[in-house]
């Protein structure tokens, strides 16, 4: 089975939370586990997520591995138990 990693990012009122932190962690992980991928193209979370104002409270998941980053999934129902 191929090794994969996930970044889970909170989006509240169209704003991503801690995006620079998530981007840096993803880049460190890619450089460590997939050095050949790091030489070709480093995914940009901001472009993958494309948060919009109609996203009140959602969770974005970005799955990445040796084959690059995968399309993220955005649950359309608000998450319960999280403070915006």
C-alpha atoms as a PDB file:
ATOM      1  CA  UNK A   1       0.000   0.000   0.000  1.00  0.00           C
ATOM      2  CA  UNK A   2       1.249   3.441  -0.918  1.00  0.00           C
ATOM      3  CA  UNK A   3       2.046   5.820   1.923  1.00  0.00           C
ATOM      4  CA  UNK A   4      -0.307   8.804   2.109  1.00  0.00           C
ATOM      5  CA  UNK A   5      -0.647  11.857   4.316  1.00  0.00           C
ATOM      6  CA  UNK A   6      -3.588  14.134   5.066  1.00  0.00           C
ATOM      7  CA  UNK A   7      -3.862  17.820   5.881  1.00  0.00           C
ATOM      8  CA  UNK A   8      -7.192  18.730   7.473  1.00  0.00           C
ATOM      9  CA  UNK A   9      -7.900  22.440   7.377  1.00  0.00           C
ATOM     10  CA  UNK A  10     -10.721  24.346   9.038  1.00  0.00           C
ATOM     11  CA  UNK A  11     -12.551  26.907   6.918  1.00  0.00           C
ATOM     12  CA  UNK A  12     -14.739  29.379   8.806  1.00  0.00           C
ATOM     13  CA  UNK A  13     -16.647  32.160   7.031  1.00  0.00           C
ATOM     14  CA  UNK A  14     -14.602  31.620   3.891  1.00  0.00           C
ATOM     15  CA  UNK A  15     -11.246  31.959   5.680  1.00  0.00           C
ATOM     16  CA  UNK A  16      -8.762  29.112   6.025  1.00  0.00           C
ATOM     17  CA  UNK A  17      -7.196  28.527   9.438  1.00  0.00           C
ATOM     18  CA  UNK A  18      -3.418  28.325   9.804  1.00  0.00           C
ATOM     19  CA  UNK A  19      -2.816  27.827   6.089  1.00  0.00           C
ATOM     20  CA  UNK A  20       0.904  28.778   6.177  1.00  0.00           C
ATOM     21  CA  UNK A  21       1.449  26.189   8.940  1.00  0.00           C
ATOM     22  CA  UNK A  22      -0.343  23.475   6.933  1.00  0.00           C
ATOM     23  CA  UNK A  23       1.565  24.403   3.754  1.00  0.00           C
ATOM     24  CA  UNK A  24       4.928  24.249   5.555  1.00  0.00           C
ATOM     25  CA  UNK A  25       4.106  20.887   7.173  1.00  0.00           C
ATOM     26  CA  UNK A  26       2.996  19.413   3.854  1.00  0.00           C
ATOM     27  CA  UNK A  27       6.182  20.646   2.145  1.00  0.00           C
ATOM     28  CA  UNK A  28       8.394  19.199   4.912  1.00  0.00           C
ATOM     29  CA  UNK A  29       6.604  15.862   4.648  1.00  0.00           C
ATOM     30  CA  UNK A  30       6.899  15.754   0.856  1.00  0.00           C
ATOM     31  CA  UNK A  31      10.603  16.652   0.960  1.00  0.00           C
ATOM     32  CA  UNK A  32      11.261  13.937   3.559  1.00  0.00           C
ATOM     33  CA  UNK A  33       9.164  11.050   2.188  1.00  0.00           C
ATOM     34  CA  UNK A  34       8.965  11.908  -1.530  1.00  0.00           C
ATOM     35  CA  UNK A  35      12.118  13.884  -2.449  1.00  0.00           C
ATOM     36  CA  UNK A  36      11.627  13.284  -6.184  1.00  0.00           C
ATOM     37  CA  UNK A  37       8.165  14.836  -6.026  1.00  0.00           C
ATOM     38  CA  UNK A  38       9.558  17.898  -4.230  1.00  0.00           C
ATOM     39  CA  UNK A  39      11.884  18.523  -7.173  1.00  0.00           C
ATOM     40  CA  UNK A  40       9.048  18.468  -9.709  1.00  0.00           C
ATOM     41  CA  UNK A  41       6.174  20.439  -8.226  1.00  0.00           C
ATOM     42  CA  UNK A  42       5.119  21.423  -4.732  1.00  0.00           C
ATOM     43  CA  UNK A  43       1.301  21.561  -4.334  1.00  0.00           C
ATOM     44  CA  UNK A  44      -0.190  24.880  -3.212  1.00  0.00           C
ATOM     45  CA  UNK A  45      -2.917  24.411  -0.603  1.00  0.00           C
ATOM     46  CA  UNK A  46      -4.406  27.844  -1.249  1.00  0.00           C
ATOM     47  CA  UNK A  47      -5.080  26.917  -4.886  1.00  0.00           C
ATOM     48  CA  UNK A  48      -6.355  23.433  -4.006  1.00  0.00           C
ATOM     49  CA  UNK A  49      -8.787  24.633  -1.372  1.00  0.00           C
ATOM     50  CA  UNK A  50     -10.137  27.818  -2.994  1.00  0.00           C
ATOM     51  CA  UNK A  51     -12.216  28.844   0.037  1.00  0.00           C
ATOM     52  CA  UNK A  52     -15.264  31.004  -0.688  1.00  0.00           C
ATOM     53  CA  UNK A  53     -17.455  33.285   1.408  1.00  0.00           C
ATOM     54  CA  UNK A  54     -20.355  30.806   1.386  1.00  0.00           C
ATOM     55  CA  UNK A  55     -18.305  28.311   3.437  1.00  0.00           C
ATOM     56  CA  UNK A  56     -19.568  29.038   6.952  1.00  0.00           C
ATOM     57  CA  UNK A  57     -17.828  26.177   8.755  1.00  0.00           C
ATOM     58  CA  UNK A  58     -16.381  23.251   6.818  1.00  0.00           C
ATOM     59  CA  UNK A  59     -13.420  20.914   6.897  1.00  0.00           C
ATOM     60  CA  UNK A  60     -11.108  20.572   3.905  1.00  0.00           C
ATOM     61  CA  UNK A  61      -9.077  17.382   3.518  1.00  0.00           C
ATOM     62  CA  UNK A  62      -6.091  17.224   1.198  1.00  0.00           C
ATOM     63  CA  UNK A  63      -4.628  13.762   0.662  1.00  0.00           C
ATOM     64  CA  UNK A  64      -1.138  13.552  -0.786  1.00  0.00           C
ATOM     65  CA  UNK A  65       1.500  10.927  -1.453  1.00  0.00           C
ATOM     66  CA  UNK A  66       3.988   9.717  -4.040  1.00  0.00           C
ATOM     67  CA  UNK A  67       1.491  10.345  -6.852  1.00  0.00           C
ATOM     68  CA  UNK A  68       1.050  13.990  -5.806  1.00  0.00           C
ATOM     69  CA  UNK A  69      -1.888  15.700  -4.155  1.00  0.00           C
ATOM     70  CA  UNK A  70      -5.414  14.477  -4.566  1.00  0.00           C
ATOM     71  CA  UNK A  71      -8.520  16.502  -4.982  1.00  0.00           C
ATOM     72  CA  UNK A  72      -9.755  17.682  -1.636  1.00  0.00           C
ATOM     73  CA  UNK A  73     -13.166  16.929  -0.235  1.00  0.00           C
ATOM     74  CA  UNK A  74     -15.324  19.567   1.393  1.00  0.00           C
ATOM     75  CA  UNK A  75     -18.253  18.379   3.466  1.00  0.00           C
ATOM     76  CA  UNK A  76     -21.199  20.628   2.669  1.00  0.00           C
ATOM     77  CA  UNK A  77     -22.756  20.241   6.116  1.00  0.00           C
ATOM     78  CA  UNK A  78     -21.349  22.363   8.946  1.00  0.00           C
ATOM     79  CA  UNK A  79     -19.201  20.622  11.512  1.00  0.00           C
ATOM     80  CA  UNK A  80     -20.618  20.493  14.994  1.00  0.00           C
ATOM     81  CA  UNK A  81     -18.557  21.130  18.096  1.00  0.00           C
ATOM     82  CA  UNK A  82     -16.086  23.547  16.519  1.00  0.00           C
ATOM     83  CA  UNK A  83     -15.967  27.181  17.480  1.00  0.00           C
ATOM     84  CA  UNK A  84     -15.604  29.562  14.551  1.00  0.00           C
END
